[in-house]
Protein backbone atom coordinates (compact mmCIF):
# COMPACT_ATOMS: atom_id res chain seq x y z
CA MET A 1 22.64 26.24 -9.40
CA ARG A 2 23.15 23.90 -6.46
CA THR A 3 25.09 21.02 -8.00
CA THR A 4 28.10 20.63 -10.29
CA ALA A 5 25.82 19.19 -12.98
CA GLU A 6 23.54 22.24 -12.80
CA LEU A 7 26.52 24.60 -12.93
CA ASP A 8 28.08 22.80 -15.88
CA GLU A 9 24.76 22.86 -17.74
CA ARG A 10 24.37 26.61 -17.18
CA LEU A 11 27.92 27.33 -18.35
CA ALA A 12 27.34 25.30 -21.52
CA ARG A 13 23.93 26.77 -22.37
CA PRO A 14 24.31 28.76 -25.62
CA GLY A 15 22.47 31.99 -26.32
CA ASP A 16 20.73 32.63 -29.63
CA GLY A 17 23.45 35.07 -30.68
CA LEU A 18 26.16 32.43 -30.30
CA VAL A 19 24.14 29.86 -32.24
CA ASP A 20 23.58 32.35 -35.06
CA ASP A 21 27.22 33.47 -35.17
CA LEU A 22 28.65 29.97 -35.22
CA GLY A 23 26.13 29.13 -37.92
CA ARG A 24 27.87 31.78 -40.06
CA LEU A 25 31.34 30.52 -39.16
CA PRO A 26 32.47 27.74 -41.50
CA GLY A 27 34.56 24.78 -40.44
CA ASP A 28 35.74 22.87 -37.41
CA ILE A 29 36.75 24.60 -34.18
CA MET A 30 39.89 23.53 -32.34
CA ILE A 31 40.29 24.50 -28.67
CA LEU A 32 43.88 24.44 -27.43
CA GLY A 33 44.02 24.22 -23.65
CA ALA A 34 40.71 22.37 -23.36
CA GLY A 35 41.69 20.87 -20.00
CA GLY A 36 42.19 24.14 -18.12
CA LYS A 37 39.80 25.79 -15.71
CA LEU A 38 37.58 27.22 -18.45
CA GLY A 39 38.37 24.83 -21.30
CA PRO A 40 35.82 22.08 -20.58
CA SER A 41 32.90 24.52 -20.29
CA LEU A 42 33.94 26.25 -23.52
CA VAL A 43 34.16 22.92 -25.36
CA ARG A 44 30.68 21.94 -24.18
CA LEU A 45 29.30 25.36 -25.07
CA ALA A 46 30.68 25.04 -28.60
CA LEU A 47 29.20 21.53 -28.90
CA ASN A 48 25.77 22.73 -27.82
CA ALA A 49 25.88 25.80 -30.06
CA THR A 50 26.91 23.88 -33.20
CA ARG A 51 24.65 20.89 -32.53
CA GLY A 52 26.91 18.34 -34.16
CA ASP A 53 27.27 20.07 -37.52
CA ARG A 54 31.09 20.09 -37.30
CA ARG A 55 33.97 18.84 -35.21
CA ILE A 56 34.82 20.52 -31.93
CA ILE A 57 38.41 19.42 -31.38
CA ALA A 58 39.54 19.48 -27.73
CA VAL A 59 43.33 19.51 -27.30
CA SER A 60 45.08 19.26 -23.93
CA ARG A 61 47.44 17.13 -21.90
CA PHE A 62 44.29 16.23 -19.91
CA GLY A 63 45.87 15.87 -16.51
CA GLU A 64 42.47 15.63 -14.78
CA PRO A 65 41.42 11.98 -14.62
CA GLY A 66 38.33 11.19 -16.64
CA LEU A 67 38.02 14.59 -18.34
CA ALA A 68 39.08 13.42 -21.80
CA ASP A 69 36.58 10.54 -21.68
CA ALA A 70 33.82 12.87 -20.46
CA LEU A 71 34.39 15.35 -23.29
CA ARG A 72 34.53 12.49 -25.79
CA GLU A 73 31.18 11.22 -24.51
CA ASP A 74 29.78 14.74 -24.90
CA GLY A 75 30.69 14.63 -28.59
CA ALA A 76 34.07 16.34 -28.77
CA THR A 77 36.93 15.07 -30.89
CA VAL A 78 39.53 14.63 -28.16
CA VAL A 79 43.23 14.92 -29.00
CA PRO A 80 45.53 14.36 -26.00
CA ALA A 81 48.65 16.37 -26.78
CA ASP A 82 51.21 18.66 -25.19
CA VAL A 83 51.26 21.60 -27.61
CA SER A 84 54.61 22.75 -26.19
CA ASP A 85 56.11 19.66 -27.86
CA GLU A 86 57.06 20.57 -31.43
CA ARG A 87 56.15 17.20 -32.89
CA ALA A 88 52.80 17.09 -31.10
CA LEU A 89 51.96 20.58 -32.33
CA ARG A 90 52.91 19.69 -35.89
CA ASP A 91 50.80 16.52 -35.79
CA LEU A 92 47.58 18.26 -34.72
CA PRO A 93 44.81 18.14 -37.31
CA ASP A 94 44.22 21.24 -39.39
CA ALA A 95 41.33 23.46 -38.34
CA PRO A 96 40.10 26.73 -39.84
CA ASN A 97 39.16 28.08 -36.38
CA VAL A 98 41.46 27.93 -33.36
CA VAL A 99 40.74 29.08 -29.80
CA PHE A 100 43.99 29.47 -27.87
CA LEU A 101 43.51 29.19 -24.09
CA VAL A 102 46.97 28.05 -23.02
CA GLY A 103 48.68 30.31 -20.48
CA ALA A 104 50.77 30.36 -17.30
CA LYS A 105 50.18 32.68 -14.36
CA PHE A 106 50.28 31.16 -10.90
CA GLY A 107 53.49 29.64 -9.65
CA THR A 108 55.62 31.52 -12.18
CA GLN A 109 57.05 33.94 -9.64
CA GLY A 110 60.72 33.02 -9.43
CA ARG A 111 60.32 31.06 -12.67
CA ALA A 112 59.86 33.93 -15.09
CA HIS A 113 61.32 31.88 -17.91
CA ALA A 114 58.36 29.49 -17.68
CA ALA A 115 55.85 32.33 -17.98
CA TRP A 116 57.64 33.77 -20.99
CA PHE A 117 57.91 30.38 -22.71
CA THR A 118 54.21 29.58 -22.29
CA ASN A 119 52.78 33.06 -22.75
CA THR A 120 55.03 34.43 -25.48
CA TYR A 121 57.11 31.83 -27.30
CA LEU A 122 54.44 29.12 -27.50
CA PRO A 123 51.76 31.39 -29.04
CA GLY A 124 54.23 32.15 -31.81
CA ARG A 125 54.70 28.46 -32.53
CA VAL A 126 50.92 27.99 -32.56
CA ALA A 127 50.43 30.98 -34.85
CA ASP A 128 53.06 29.61 -37.22
CA ARG A 129 51.38 26.18 -37.27
CA PHE A 130 47.91 27.68 -37.82
CA ARG A 131 48.83 30.77 -39.82
CA ASP A 132 45.98 30.12 -42.27
CA SER A 133 43.34 29.80 -39.52
CA ARG A 134 41.26 32.27 -37.58
CA ILE A 135 42.69 32.48 -34.05
CA ALA A 136 40.87 33.77 -30.97
CA ALA A 137 43.52 34.07 -28.25
CA LEU A 138 42.84 34.66 -24.59
CA SER A 139 44.83 37.56 -23.17
CA THR A 140 44.32 39.50 -19.94
CA GLY A 141 43.46 42.92 -18.61
CA ASN A 142 46.78 42.74 -16.77
CA VAL A 143 48.42 44.19 -19.87
CA TYR A 144 47.04 47.55 -18.66
CA PRO A 145 48.51 49.56 -15.78
CA LEU A 146 46.69 50.37 -12.57
CA VAL A 147 44.39 53.31 -13.34
CA PRO A 148 42.38 55.77 -11.24
CA VAL A 149 39.14 54.22 -10.04
CA GLY A 150 36.53 55.15 -12.61
CA GLY A 151 35.81 54.05 -16.15
CA GLY A 152 38.79 51.75 -16.63
CA SER A 153 41.16 51.17 -19.55
CA THR A 154 39.70 50.87 -23.04
CA GLU A 155 41.20 48.96 -25.93
CA ASP A 156 42.75 52.23 -27.11
CA SER A 157 44.38 53.00 -23.75
CA PRO A 158 48.17 52.62 -23.48
CA THR A 159 49.38 49.30 -22.12
CA GLY A 160 51.58 49.23 -19.04
CA PRO A 161 52.03 45.70 -17.70
CA VAL A 162 53.39 45.24 -14.17
CA GLY A 163 55.55 42.17 -13.52
CA ASP A 164 56.74 39.27 -15.63
CA TYR A 165 53.33 37.62 -15.98
CA ALA A 166 51.69 40.72 -17.38
CA MET A 167 54.70 41.57 -19.56
CA SER A 168 54.78 38.06 -21.00
CA CYS A 169 51.06 38.33 -21.82
CA LEU A 170 51.69 41.56 -23.70
CA GLY A 171 54.49 39.64 -25.40
CA ARG A 172 51.88 37.08 -26.49
CA GLU A 173 49.87 39.85 -28.09
CA ARG A 174 52.93 41.31 -29.82
CA VAL A 175 53.99 37.93 -31.23
CA LEU A 176 50.49 37.14 -32.50
CA THR A 177 50.33 40.60 -34.04
CA HIS A 178 53.60 39.86 -35.84
CA PHE A 179 52.12 36.74 -37.45
CA SER A 180 48.93 38.59 -38.29
CA GLU A 181 50.81 41.43 -39.97
CA THR A 182 53.38 39.19 -41.67
CA TYR A 183 51.24 36.30 -42.90
CA GLY A 184 47.73 37.74 -42.84
CA THR A 185 46.66 35.44 -40.00
CA ARG A 186 43.29 36.58 -38.70
CA VAL A 187 43.50 37.09 -34.92
CA ALA A 188 41.24 38.29 -32.10
CA LEU A 189 42.86 39.18 -28.76
CA LEU A 190 40.58 38.94 -25.73
CA ARG A 191 41.69 40.89 -22.67
CA LEU A 192 39.71 39.12 -19.95
CA ASN A 193 39.39 40.06 -16.27
CA TYR A 194 38.07 38.65 -13.95
CA ALA A 195 35.93 35.70 -15.01
CA VAL A 196 33.94 34.10 -12.20
CA GLU A 197 31.85 31.01 -11.71
CA LEU A 198 30.94 29.20 -8.53
CA ARG A 199 34.14 27.16 -8.19
CA TYR A 200 36.67 29.96 -8.60
CA GLY A 201 37.05 33.68 -9.09
CA VAL A 202 37.17 36.89 -7.08
CA LEU A 203 33.81 36.25 -5.40
CA VAL A 204 34.84 32.76 -4.31
CA ASP A 205 38.08 34.20 -2.91
CA LEU A 206 36.13 36.76 -0.90
CA ALA A 207 33.50 34.26 0.27
CA GLN A 208 36.17 31.90 1.57
CA LYS A 209 37.89 34.67 3.49
CA VAL A 210 34.64 35.89 5.00
CA LEU A 211 33.55 32.40 6.00
CA ALA A 212 36.94 31.65 7.56
CA GLY A 213 37.07 34.97 9.40
CA GLU A 214 40.23 35.98 7.52
CA PRO A 215 40.82 39.68 6.85
CA VAL A 216 39.83 41.01 3.44
CA ASP A 217 42.46 43.40 2.08
CA LEU A 218 40.77 46.54 0.78
CA THR A 219 43.81 48.11 -0.87
CA THR A 220 42.57 47.01 -4.28
CA GLY A 221 39.13 48.34 -3.55
CA GLN A 222 37.45 47.94 -6.94
CA VAL A 223 37.46 45.04 -9.41
CA ASN A 224 35.81 43.90 -12.61
CA VAL A 225 34.08 40.54 -12.72
CA VAL A 226 32.18 38.73 -15.46
CA TRP A 227 30.20 35.49 -15.57
CA GLN A 228 32.34 32.76 -17.14
CA GLY A 229 29.50 31.63 -19.40
CA TYR A 230 29.39 35.09 -20.99
CA ALA A 231 33.17 35.17 -21.40
CA ASN A 232 33.03 31.78 -23.12
CA GLU A 233 30.34 32.98 -25.53
CA VAL A 234 32.32 36.09 -26.39
CA THR A 235 35.45 34.02 -26.95
CA LEU A 236 33.71 31.82 -29.51
CA ARG A 237 31.83 34.68 -31.18
CA SER A 238 35.06 36.67 -31.50
CA LEU A 239 36.27 34.21 -34.13
CA LEU A 240 34.11 36.18 -36.57
CA LEU A 241 35.91 39.38 -35.52
CA ALA A 242 39.40 37.97 -36.08
CA GLY A 243 41.30 40.12 -38.53
CA THR A 244 44.55 41.70 -39.66
CA PRO A 245 45.70 43.58 -37.66
CA PRO A 246 44.28 41.69 -34.66
CA TYR A 247 40.93 42.74 -33.26
CA VAL A 248 41.40 43.67 -29.59
CA LEU A 249 38.50 43.30 -27.17
CA ASN A 250 38.19 43.86 -23.44
CA VAL A 251 35.97 41.19 -21.87
CA THR A 252 34.48 41.87 -18.45
CA GLY A 253 31.28 43.02 -16.81
CA PRO A 254 29.84 46.54 -17.11
CA GLU A 255 30.06 47.32 -13.39
CA LEU A 256 32.84 48.26 -11.03
CA ILE A 257 32.57 45.95 -8.02
CA SER A 258 33.42 47.36 -4.61
CA VAL A 259 35.44 44.76 -2.71
CA ARG A 260 34.07 46.12 0.57
CA GLN A 261 30.44 45.98 -0.57
CA ALA A 262 30.85 42.54 -2.14
CA ALA A 263 32.36 41.19 1.09
CA LEU A 264 29.56 42.72 3.14
CA ALA A 265 26.91 41.18 0.85
CA LEU A 266 28.64 37.80 1.02
CA GLY A 267 28.91 38.12 4.79
CA GLN A 268 25.20 38.83 5.09
CA ALA A 269 24.38 35.79 2.98
CA LEU A 270 26.83 33.61 4.93
CA GLY A 271 25.87 34.92 8.35
CA LYS A 272 29.41 36.14 9.01
CA GLU A 273 30.71 39.65 9.67
CA PRO A 274 33.64 40.38 7.35
CA VAL A 275 36.97 41.45 8.80
CA PHE A 276 38.77 44.15 6.81
CA THR A 277 42.33 45.36 6.61
CA GLY A 278 43.87 48.25 4.71
CA GLU A 279 42.22 51.16 2.96
CA GLU A 280 41.06 51.55 -0.63
CA ALA A 281 43.82 52.85 -2.92
CA PRO A 282 42.91 55.46 -5.55
CA THR A 283 43.96 53.09 -8.36
CA ALA A 284 43.09 49.55 -9.45
CA LEU A 285 43.32 47.20 -12.43
CA LEU A 286 40.11 48.08 -14.25
CA SER A 287 38.90 47.58 -17.81
CA ASN A 288 36.12 49.26 -19.78
CA ALA A 289 34.34 46.62 -21.86
CA GLY A 290 31.85 48.94 -23.54
CA ARG A 291 32.90 47.75 -27.00
CA CYS A 292 32.19 44.14 -26.01
CA HIS A 293 28.77 45.00 -24.61
CA ARG A 294 27.80 46.94 -27.74
CA LEU A 295 28.71 43.91 -29.84
CA PHE A 296 27.37 41.12 -27.67
CA GLY A 297 25.05 42.63 -25.06
CA TYR A 298 25.39 42.33 -21.30
CA PRO A 299 26.16 39.24 -19.20
CA GLU A 300 23.07 37.30 -18.23
CA LEU A 301 24.00 37.14 -14.54
CA THR A 302 24.36 40.35 -12.55
CA PRO A 303 26.91 40.80 -9.74
CA ALA A 304 24.11 40.57 -7.17
CA GLU A 305 23.01 37.22 -8.61
CA LEU A 306 26.60 35.98 -8.77
CA ILE A 307 27.13 36.95 -5.12
CA GLU A 308 23.96 35.12 -4.10
CA HIS A 309 24.88 31.95 -6.02
CA THR A 310 28.48 32.05 -4.77
CA ALA A 311 27.53 32.46 -1.13
CA ARG A 312 25.13 29.53 -1.29
CA TRP A 313 27.68 27.36 -3.10
CA VAL A 314 30.44 28.06 -0.60
CA ALA A 315 28.11 27.69 2.39
CA ASP A 316 26.93 24.32 1.07
CA GLY A 317 30.52 23.12 0.73
CA GLY A 318 30.39 22.92 -3.06
CA PRO A 319 33.57 21.78 -4.82
CA LEU A 320 36.16 24.49 -5.54
CA LEU A 321 39.11 24.52 -7.93
CA GLY A 322 41.54 25.84 -5.33
CA LYS A 323 42.93 28.49 -7.69
CA PRO A 324 42.78 31.89 -5.99
CA THR A 325 42.88 34.84 -8.37
CA LYS A 326 45.27 36.92 -6.23
CA PHE A 327 43.38 39.94 -7.52
CA GLU A 328 44.62 41.97 -4.57
CA ARG A 329 48.25 41.77 -5.72
CA ARG A 330 49.42 45.12 -7.07
CA ASP A 331 53.04 44.23 -7.84
CA GLY A 332 52.41 41.68 -10.60
CA ARG A 333 53.96 38.86 -8.58
CA PHE A 334 51.88 35.68 -8.98
């Protein structure tokens, strides 16, 4: 993967399991938040997996110039709309399958009300509008507390969100659970951390720091990462798991990634010696995605391959989204 076209093609390349599962899933698929950082690749993946046998409805404000036209040319049914507007939400077409990607994280520090509106109130409005649909809703591993470095939190572990962002995301889950329990809405909740591709993610953050000679903070010494293409496949396939009460699924890779070792590997590939600061803490935000891997297998790209691709991309000056993960933050302030 050396060009944006090659990267986009890889992200939108469906596996046989996805094709089979969507073949068993009746009806159109609506993707709310199709203009976000992972929305376009998920729309294209759904288009390729369904091969034109139904509508893939892409809904977003589409602030990026040209994106709506590009998705329309790819075959999506594009609906420009701000789903936070009550009338716009009401006027959306019906769809038996809804993927909810809308969320707020960065820039909400000091504006907690905005995080709570987007992450908690708005999902309730969406669930009310689509109470008869299957809903796969993106959540986050941030609903868990920091845990001792080791196996990570499972879906049965107690939640313990730190900060307004994480608390509002747990609020999203609670509100969706209310609609599931009250109206029988079938819901799947996907606790994702940290998805990576070559334009953003933990590995891009580390590669940029290494290349710039900036110190890499080791306090959060271990992280989870997962290839975005795999996360997209799981998100779509989870529509078949949606139930009452909601089906909860951790989505990440099977390995714990050492921040130190990842930075060293990136440094070797980039020809730069990493600079470190701090020492590894005994706890980190870590998830155990064993249930996901038993259901859907392992990600196709290993951490070593992701590091290699990321280093080459950054060294070549490939385009980046400019959205750092802030994975090193331990106080929940984003």
